[in-house]
Amino acid sequence: MFPLCLLSELLVMPHSRSWSSETNLPCVMALEDYSEYRHAVRIWQFMSPMLMLFGTAGNLLTLIVLSKRRSRNNSTALYLCALAISDMVVLNTGLLRQWMLYVFEFDIRALPVPVCKLHVFLVYLSTQCSSWFLVAMTCERFVGVWLPHKVKHGCTRKAALIVITVIVACLILLNSHWFYGLEHLTFTYANETYEYTCTTKFYPHTYDMFSVYTWPWIDLYVFCIVPFVILLIGNLSIILRLLLSRRKTRKRVMPIQLTKVATQKDDKTSQITAMLVLLNVVFFINISPVSTFLVSEPFWKDSIITEHDDALFSLVWSIVNMFMYLNNAVNFMLYFLSGSRFRAEVKVLFCGGQGMSVFGVGTTARHGAITTKQTMQTTPGNTSSDCKNGNTPVQSISLTVSKSKDTAV
């Protein structure tokens, strides 16, 4: 494998060049002379820091809010914390490198080989983890709406920890080949010395063939295509189930004493589902451009011949990357827009006051002892929600409720 400029010198016939009569040199515009390339550079220089700052701050706030005692035991909160961590790693490895490259002309991967290997490994690992954490959360919601009797056993914090551990372990194993195949190379050709940083051994080395022709497809399927298909099917199934459930609920006459509990439960379910569907929609919108680009690249990459073609490629590549990194930066805003409980908890974080569980029913703040009395009527043979707490239903119950400490469900 020779440098591209040397290959072009060998392949281009002399009579096909345009020569200047005054300088006797080829009249070829440099890459920087094209406006498309200059726009691409500006995108990397100015959009990157905004996404990094906004995304890192938002993901840190998400971790703070969801790590509080009243929310951290919920499995959905655990998935969202894992997603926030992987998103921060994506922004501060992949996007940070591009920003430093275009602003300071410094490449992190030009550092010693162990740093180069670790950086490439983290970029691939974190982007794939972000996709699969979203898949795991969607599958959990699918179980919640289609198999609600399995929720108590399958949708627990312990189960979420196991799923997250399995995902990370499998992806670490999948990406471990980077620690073997990357190195810094130097070779001399025509009295010129060329240095390649953080690259694979040149053709016909076996690993070079793997990294050029096989790995891009593996990464495309793991990062984009498979999660995309699972999320699409999962979301359509969830929406369908909720529509069917809502239709049945309208036809059902609910006892008066259960109305409040049912309303709270519906509020919790609808907020979690709305947040998840919004996350998936944004994932589809932001990942589709880079997925389309990568899938179609083998069909048109050989047509990149001139410097102008290269400039157009740079512009399109910068745009699809900004969409991809936007997906890692806006999740906090999506939680804030789709969940009133999340907004309330953020308000408590900055302004103080009474907090609530983001994914639960009720509050967890301590108040003074307030005692109220409720009278609940039941008919013989009926059971109320108190049966689950060990109380015995009777014809008329005078119930004393102490609000010294509310507990989230």
Protein backbone atom coordinates (compact mmCIF):
# COMPACT_ATOMS: atom_id res chain seq x y z
CA MET A 1 0.00 0.00 0.00
CA PHE A 2 1.61 3.24 -1.18
CA PRO A 3 0.67 6.85 -0.39
CA LEU A 4 -2.23 8.10 -2.48
CA CYS A 5 -0.15 10.86 -4.04
CA LEU A 6 2.43 8.36 -5.26
CA LEU A 7 -0.21 6.07 -6.72
CA SER A 8 -1.74 9.00 -8.60
CA GLU A 9 1.66 9.85 -10.05
CA LEU A 10 1.95 6.30 -11.39
CA LEU A 11 -1.60 6.04 -12.72
CA VAL A 12 -2.13 9.47 -14.34
CA MET A 13 -0.72 9.71 -17.87
CA PRO A 14 1.44 12.80 -18.65
CA HIS A 15 -0.72 13.91 -21.58
CA SER A 16 -3.81 14.05 -19.30
CA ARG A 17 -2.34 16.78 -17.11
CA SER A 18 -2.86 20.48 -17.52
CA TRP A 19 0.47 22.30 -17.58
CA SER A 20 1.19 25.97 -17.00
CA SER A 21 3.27 27.59 -19.74
CA GLU A 22 4.99 29.92 -17.28
CA THR A 23 5.91 27.64 -14.37
CA ASN A 24 5.86 24.28 -16.14
CA LEU A 25 3.99 22.90 -13.07
CA PRO A 26 0.59 21.21 -12.91
CA CYS A 27 -2.32 23.65 -12.44
CA VAL A 28 -3.97 21.82 -9.57
CA MET A 29 -5.98 23.54 -6.82
CA ALA A 30 -5.16 22.58 -3.26
CA LEU A 31 -7.82 21.02 -1.05
CA GLU A 32 -7.97 24.17 1.08
CA ASP A 33 -8.89 26.25 -1.97
CA TYR A 34 -12.33 24.67 -2.21
CA SER A 35 -15.19 26.24 -0.26
CA GLU A 36 -16.65 22.80 0.57
CA TYR A 37 -13.52 21.86 2.48
CA ARG A 38 -13.40 25.21 4.30
CA HIS A 39 -17.04 24.74 5.37
CA ALA A 40 -16.20 21.25 6.65
CA VAL A 41 -13.32 22.66 8.71
CA ARG A 42 -15.58 25.36 10.20
CA ILE A 43 -18.15 22.72 11.16
CA TRP A 44 -15.51 20.74 13.04
CA GLN A 45 -14.04 23.86 14.64
CA PHE A 46 -17.24 25.55 15.86
CA MET A 47 -19.90 22.86 16.21
CA SER A 48 -17.67 20.40 18.07
CA PRO A 49 -17.04 22.49 21.23
CA MET A 50 -20.72 23.42 21.49
CA LEU A 51 -21.80 19.79 21.34
CA MET A 52 -19.08 18.72 23.78
CA LEU A 53 -19.92 21.37 26.37
CA PHE A 54 -23.70 21.00 26.08
CA GLY A 55 -23.58 17.20 25.97
CA THR A 56 -21.11 16.77 28.83
CA ALA A 57 -23.01 19.19 31.08
CA GLY A 58 -26.36 17.58 30.25
CA ASN A 59 -25.12 14.04 30.82
CA LEU A 60 -23.52 15.03 34.14
CA LEU A 61 -26.83 16.54 35.28
CA THR A 62 -28.60 13.36 34.23
CA LEU A 63 -26.21 11.30 36.35
CA ILE A 64 -26.73 13.59 39.35
CA VAL A 65 -30.53 13.52 39.09
CA LEU A 66 -30.87 9.78 38.49
CA SER A 67 -28.23 8.78 41.04
CA LYS A 68 -30.23 10.21 43.95
CA ARG A 69 -31.62 7.78 46.49
CA ARG A 70 -35.20 8.20 45.37
CA SER A 71 -34.47 7.18 41.74
CA ARG A 72 -31.29 5.12 41.60
CA ASN A 73 -32.94 1.79 42.46
CA ASN A 74 -35.11 1.92 39.35
CA SER A 75 -33.92 -0.18 36.41
CA THR A 76 -34.78 2.51 33.84
CA ALA A 77 -32.72 5.07 35.77
CA LEU A 78 -29.81 2.62 35.76
CA TYR A 79 -29.97 2.24 31.97
CA LEU A 80 -30.13 6.01 31.53
CA CYS A 81 -27.08 6.47 33.78
CA ALA A 82 -25.15 3.91 31.72
CA LEU A 83 -26.27 5.70 28.54
CA ALA A 84 -25.12 9.07 29.94
CA ILE A 85 -21.67 7.67 30.74
CA SER A 86 -21.22 6.13 27.29
CA ASP A 87 -22.42 9.36 25.63
CA MET A 88 -19.85 11.40 27.56
CA VAL A 89 -17.09 9.00 26.50
CA VAL A 90 -18.19 9.32 22.86
CA LEU A 91 -18.11 13.12 22.99
CA ASN A 92 -14.80 13.38 24.83
CA THR A 93 -12.92 10.83 22.74
CA GLY A 94 -14.22 10.85 19.16
CA LEU A 95 -15.45 14.44 18.87
CA LEU A 96 -12.67 15.90 21.03
CA ARG A 97 -10.05 14.34 18.76
CA GLN A 98 -11.58 15.89 15.64
CA TRP A 99 -11.82 19.32 17.26
CA MET A 100 -8.18 19.27 18.38
CA LEU A 101 -7.14 18.05 14.94
CA TYR A 102 -8.82 20.93 13.09
CA VAL A 103 -8.10 23.67 15.65
CA PHE A 104 -4.63 22.83 17.00
CA GLU A 105 -3.48 20.41 14.28
CA PHE A 106 -2.76 17.92 17.01
CA ASP A 107 -3.83 14.29 16.74
CA ILE A 108 -4.32 12.35 19.98
CA ARG A 109 -3.55 9.19 18.05
CA ALA A 110 -0.04 10.48 17.26
CA LEU A 111 0.86 9.92 20.92
CA PRO A 112 2.58 6.66 21.92
CA VAL A 113 1.04 3.46 20.58
CA PRO A 114 -0.73 2.42 23.84
CA VAL A 115 -2.61 5.76 23.86
CA CYS A 116 -3.49 5.36 20.19
CA LYS A 117 -4.86 1.85 20.76
CA LEU A 118 -6.84 2.87 23.84
CA HIS A 119 -8.39 5.85 22.07
CA VAL A 120 -9.57 3.85 19.05
CA PHE A 121 -10.89 1.14 21.39
CA LEU A 122 -12.87 3.63 23.50
CA VAL A 123 -14.40 5.37 20.48
CA TYR A 124 -15.77 2.16 19.02
CA LEU A 125 -16.77 0.71 22.40
CA SER A 126 -18.66 3.80 23.60
CA THR A 127 -20.57 4.39 20.36
CA GLN A 128 -21.69 0.76 20.26
CA CYS A 129 -22.60 0.78 23.97
CA SER A 130 -24.82 3.83 23.51
CA SER A 131 -26.82 2.03 20.83
CA TRP A 132 -27.20 -1.19 22.81
CA PHE A 133 -28.12 0.48 26.11
CA LEU A 134 -31.01 2.07 24.24
CA VAL A 135 -31.92 -1.34 22.81
CA ALA A 136 -31.89 -2.89 26.32
CA MET A 137 -34.12 -0.13 27.68
CA THR A 138 -36.55 -0.57 24.80
CA CYS A 139 -36.70 -4.32 25.37
CA GLU A 140 -37.43 -3.75 29.06
CA ARG A 141 -40.30 -1.40 28.18
CA PHE A 142 -41.55 -3.98 25.68
CA VAL A 143 -41.72 -6.54 28.49
CA GLY A 144 -43.43 -3.98 30.71
CA VAL A 145 -46.28 -3.31 28.30
CA TRP A 146 -46.73 -6.78 26.78
CA LEU A 147 -45.88 -8.99 29.78
CA PRO A 148 -46.69 -6.86 32.84
CA HIS A 149 -46.80 -9.94 35.10
CA LYS A 150 -43.07 -10.46 34.40
CA VAL A 151 -42.03 -6.95 35.40
CA LYS A 152 -41.40 -7.68 39.08
CA HIS A 153 -39.03 -10.51 38.22
CA GLY A 154 -37.44 -9.45 34.93
CA CYS A 155 -37.34 -5.64 35.09
CA THR A 156 -35.39 -5.14 38.33
CA ARG A 157 -32.24 -3.22 39.13
CA LYS A 158 -30.32 -6.49 39.45
CA ALA A 159 -31.49 -7.63 36.01
CA ALA A 160 -30.49 -4.26 34.53
CA LEU A 161 -27.01 -4.54 36.07
CA ILE A 162 -26.61 -8.00 34.55
CA VAL A 163 -27.76 -6.82 31.12
CA ILE A 164 -25.43 -3.78 31.20
CA THR A 165 -22.50 -5.97 32.28
CA VAL A 166 -23.16 -8.50 29.50
CA ILE A 167 -23.42 -5.74 26.86
CA VAL A 168 -20.17 -4.10 27.94
CA ALA A 169 -18.32 -7.43 28.23
CA CYS A 170 -19.41 -8.58 24.76
CA LEU A 171 -18.47 -5.27 23.14
CA ILE A 172 -15.10 -5.21 24.92
CA LEU A 173 -14.42 -8.66 23.50
CA LEU A 174 -15.56 -7.57 20.04
CA ASN A 175 -13.26 -4.52 20.00
CA SER A 176 -10.25 -6.08 21.70
CA HIS A 177 -8.57 -6.66 18.33
CA TRP A 178 -7.52 -2.99 18.27
CA PHE A 179 -4.92 -3.71 20.96
CA TYR A 180 -3.28 -6.16 18.58
CA GLY A 181 -3.48 -4.55 15.17
CA LEU A 182 -2.58 -0.86 15.54
CA GLU A 183 0.92 0.62 15.44
CA HIS A 184 3.01 3.53 14.13
CA LEU A 185 4.72 2.77 10.81
CA THR A 186 7.62 4.45 9.00
CA PHE A 187 8.93 3.56 5.54
CA THR A 188 11.02 5.13 2.80
CA TYR A 189 10.06 5.40 -0.86
CA ALA A 190 11.96 7.29 -3.57
CA ASN A 191 14.24 8.89 -0.99
CA GLU A 192 11.21 10.19 0.89
CA THR A 193 10.30 9.04 4.42
CA TYR A 194 6.64 8.54 5.25
CA GLU A 195 5.18 8.15 8.73
CA TYR A 196 1.78 6.64 9.46
CA THR A 197 0.40 7.01 12.99
CA CYS A 198 -2.07 4.65 14.59
CA THR A 199 -2.53 2.52 11.50
CA THR A 200 -2.62 -1.16 10.61
CA LYS A 201 0.11 -3.12 8.92
CA PHE A 202 0.01 -2.61 5.19
CA TYR A 203 -1.36 -5.02 2.60
CA PRO A 204 -0.99 -8.00 2.21
CA HIS A 205 -0.93 -8.41 6.00
CA THR A 206 -3.97 -10.40 7.18
CA TYR A 207 -5.06 -7.86 9.80
CA ASP A 208 -4.95 -5.06 7.23
CA MET A 209 -7.40 -7.02 5.08
CA PHE A 210 -9.64 -7.54 8.11
CA SER A 211 -9.60 -3.88 9.19
CA VAL A 212 -10.23 -2.54 5.68
CA TYR A 213 -12.77 -4.98 4.26
CA THR A 214 -14.38 -6.89 7.16
CA TRP A 215 -14.42 -4.71 10.28
CA PRO A 216 -16.32 -1.73 8.77
CA TRP A 217 -19.26 -4.04 8.04
CA ILE A 218 -19.13 -5.62 11.50
CA ASP A 219 -19.16 -2.18 13.12
CA LEU A 220 -21.94 -0.98 10.81
CA TYR A 221 -24.20 -3.86 11.82
CA VAL A 222 -23.36 -3.66 15.54
CA PHE A 223 -23.56 0.12 15.83
CA CYS A 224 -26.34 0.97 13.36
CA ILE A 225 -28.29 -1.65 11.47
CA VAL A 226 -29.13 -4.28 14.12
CA PRO A 227 -30.04 -1.71 16.86
CA PHE A 228 -32.04 0.26 14.29
CA VAL A 229 -34.15 -2.77 13.35
CA ILE A 230 -34.71 -3.86 16.98
CA LEU A 231 -35.65 -0.34 18.08
CA LEU A 232 -38.05 0.10 15.16
CA ILE A 233 -39.86 -3.18 15.85
CA GLY A 234 -39.85 -2.59 19.63
CA ASN A 235 -41.27 0.92 19.42
CA LEU A 236 -44.00 -0.04 16.97
CA SER A 237 -44.98 -2.92 19.28
CA ILE A 238 -45.03 -0.68 22.36
CA ILE A 239 -47.14 1.97 20.66
CA LEU A 240 -49.55 -0.68 19.36
CA ARG A 241 -49.95 -2.22 22.82
CA LEU A 242 -50.57 1.15 24.46
CA LEU A 243 -53.22 2.02 21.89
CA LEU A 244 -54.99 -1.30 22.51
CA SER A 245 -54.76 -0.86 26.28
CA ARG A 246 -56.17 2.65 26.11
CA ARG A 247 -59.09 1.45 24.03
CA LYS A 248 -59.88 -1.29 26.57
CA THR A 249 -59.57 1.15 29.46
CA ARG A 250 -62.18 3.46 27.97
CA LYS A 251 -64.69 0.60 27.86
CA ARG A 252 -64.00 -0.55 31.42
CA VAL A 253 -65.81 0.87 34.44
CA MET A 254 -63.27 1.39 37.19
CA PRO A 255 -64.18 1.51 40.92
CA ILE A 256 -63.98 5.00 42.36
CA GLN A 257 -61.38 4.11 45.03
CA LEU A 258 -58.98 2.79 42.38
CA THR A 259 -59.23 5.80 40.08
CA LYS A 260 -56.44 7.78 41.74
CA VAL A 261 -54.04 4.83 41.87
CA ALA A 262 -54.74 3.97 38.23
CA THR A 263 -54.21 7.59 37.20
CA GLN A 264 -50.84 7.72 38.97
CA LYS A 265 -49.77 4.45 37.38
CA ASP A 266 -50.85 5.62 33.92
CA ASP A 267 -48.96 8.87 34.44
CA LYS A 268 -45.79 6.97 35.33
CA THR A 269 -46.12 4.58 32.39
CA SER A 270 -46.94 7.28 29.86
CA GLN A 271 -44.00 9.45 30.91
CA ILE A 272 -41.49 6.61 30.69
CA THR A 273 -42.91 5.48 27.35
CA ALA A 274 -43.01 9.00 25.91
CA MET A 275 -39.41 9.58 26.94
CA LEU A 276 -38.28 6.27 25.45
CA VAL A 277 -40.12 6.78 22.16
CA LEU A 278 -38.67 10.29 21.88
CA LEU A 279 -35.17 8.92 22.52
CA ASN A 280 -35.65 6.36 19.77
CA VAL A 281 -37.05 8.87 17.28
CA VAL A 282 -34.05 11.15 17.83
CA PHE A 283 -31.76 8.12 17.49
CA PHE A 284 -33.36 7.25 14.13
CA ILE A 285 -33.05 10.83 12.85
CA ASN A 286 -29.45 11.34 13.93
CA ILE A 287 -28.03 7.92 13.09
CA SER A 288 -29.74 7.50 9.70
CA PRO A 289 -27.40 9.93 7.84
CA VAL A 290 -24.17 8.23 8.97
CA SER A 291 -25.71 4.79 8.43
CA THR A 292 -26.73 5.71 4.88
CA PHE A 293 -23.29 7.18 4.26
CA LEU A 294 -21.46 4.08 5.45
CA VAL A 295 -23.75 1.65 3.63
CA SER A 296 -23.44 3.51 0.32
CA GLU A 297 -19.73 4.34 0.58
CA PRO A 298 -18.47 1.16 -1.17
CA PHE A 299 -20.51 2.08 -4.25
CA TRP A 300 -19.11 5.57 -4.78
CA LYS A 301 -15.77 5.86 -2.94
CA ASP A 302 -13.83 4.82 -6.05
CA SER A 303 -15.24 7.87 -7.86
CA ILE A 304 -13.32 10.24 -5.55
CA ILE A 305 -10.51 11.28 -7.89
CA THR A 306 -10.03 15.04 -7.85
CA GLU A 307 -9.34 17.41 -4.99
CA HIS A 308 -12.85 18.80 -5.45
CA ASP A 309 -14.30 15.34 -4.93
CA ASP A 310 -12.25 15.03 -1.75
CA ALA A 311 -13.54 18.42 -0.55
CA LEU A 312 -17.16 17.33 -1.11
CA PHE A 313 -16.44 14.11 0.75
CA SER A 314 -15.02 16.09 3.69
CA LEU A 315 -18.12 18.30 3.87
CA VAL A 316 -20.61 15.42 3.77
CA TRP A 317 -18.56 13.46 6.31
CA SER A 318 -18.49 16.40 8.73
CA ILE A 319 -22.28 16.88 8.47
CA VAL A 320 -23.22 13.23 9.07
CA ASN A 321 -20.79 13.12 12.00
CA MET A 322 -22.40 16.18 13.59
CA PHE A 323 -25.77 14.44 13.42
CA MET A 324 -24.26 11.33 15.02
CA TYR A 325 -22.63 13.26 17.87
CA LEU A 326 -25.80 15.32 18.35
CA ASN A 327 -27.49 12.07 19.36
CA ASN A 328 -25.00 11.78 22.26
CA ALA A 329 -25.44 15.40 23.32
CA VAL A 330 -29.20 16.04 23.49
CA ASN A 331 -30.50 13.24 25.71
CA PHE A 332 -30.73 15.49 28.78
CA MET A 333 -32.93 17.90 26.84
CA LEU A 334 -35.15 15.02 25.73
CA TYR A 335 -35.61 13.85 29.35
CA PHE A 336 -36.38 17.43 30.36
CA LEU A 337 -38.98 17.93 27.62
CA SER A 338 -40.75 14.58 27.92
CA GLY A 339 -40.87 14.07 31.70
CA SER A 340 -42.54 16.42 34.18
CA ARG A 341 -41.01 14.42 37.05
CA PHE A 342 -37.53 14.87 35.60
CA ARG A 343 -38.13 18.61 35.22
CA ALA A 344 -39.32 18.81 38.81
CA GLU A 345 -36.23 16.98 40.04
CA VAL A 346 -33.92 19.32 38.09
CA LYS A 347 -35.77 22.27 39.63
CA VAL A 348 -35.22 20.78 43.09
CA LEU A 349 -31.54 20.35 42.28
CA PHE A 350 -31.07 24.04 41.52
CA CYS A 351 -33.79 25.71 43.61
CA GLY A 352 -34.36 23.28 46.47
CA GLY A 353 -37.72 22.09 47.70
CA GLN A 354 -39.60 18.81 47.64
CA GLY A 355 -38.34 16.14 45.27
CA MET A 356 -39.94 13.07 43.78
CA SER A 357 -38.88 9.83 42.23
CA VAL A 358 -38.37 10.36 38.51
CA PHE A 359 -39.78 6.92 37.67
CA GLY A 360 -42.02 6.31 40.67
CA VAL A 361 -45.34 7.37 42.16
CA GLY A 362 -45.31 9.75 45.10
CA THR A 363 -42.61 11.79 46.78
CA THR A 364 -39.73 11.03 49.06
CA ALA A 365 -39.24 14.24 50.99
CA ARG A 366 -39.66 14.33 54.74
CA HIS A 367 -42.40 16.50 56.23
CA GLY A 368 -43.79 17.15 59.64
CA ALA A 369 -46.19 14.59 61.01
CA ILE A 370 -49.54 15.14 59.32
CA THR A 371 -52.37 12.78 60.04
CA THR A 372 -55.43 12.56 57.86
CA LYS A 373 -58.38 10.23 57.85
CA GLN A 374 -59.87 8.59 54.84
CA THR A 375 -63.00 6.49 54.72
CA MET A 376 -63.04 3.85 52.03
CA GLN A 377 -66.15 1.88 51.18
CA THR A 378 -65.90 -1.61 49.80
CA THR A 379 -68.46 -4.20 48.98
CA PRO A 380 -68.31 -7.77 50.26
CA GLY A 381 -66.09 -9.91 48.09
CA ASN A 382 -64.19 -6.95 46.61
CA THR A 383 -60.52 -6.33 47.35
CA SER A 384 -58.77 -3.01 47.42
CA SER A 385 -55.17 -2.01 47.00
CA ASP A 386 -54.79 -2.35 50.78
CA CYS A 387 -54.87 -6.14 50.44
CA LYS A 388 -51.35 -5.97 49.04
CA ASN A 389 -50.19 -4.29 52.23
CA GLY A 390 -51.66 -6.97 54.49
CA ASN A 391 -54.87 -5.14 55.44
CA THR A 392 -58.21 -6.95 55.51
CA PRO A 393 -61.06 -5.47 53.48
CA VAL A 394 -64.28 -4.91 55.44
CA GLN A 395 -67.54 -3.16 54.78
CA SER A 396 -66.31 0.19 56.05
CA ILE A 397 -62.73 1.05 56.95
CA SER A 398 -61.50 4.15 58.76
CA LEU A 399 -57.89 4.49 57.57
CA THR A 400 -55.31 6.72 59.24
CA VAL A 401 -52.43 7.84 57.01
CA SER A 402 -49.24 9.29 58.42
CA LYS A 403 -47.38 11.55 55.97
CA SER A 404 -44.21 11.85 57.99
CA LYS A 405 -42.40 10.03 55.18
CA ASP A 406 -43.81 9.30 51.71
CA THR A 407 -42.27 6.46 49.81
CA ALA A 408 -41.98 6.21 46.05
CA VAL A 409 -43.32 3.16 44.36
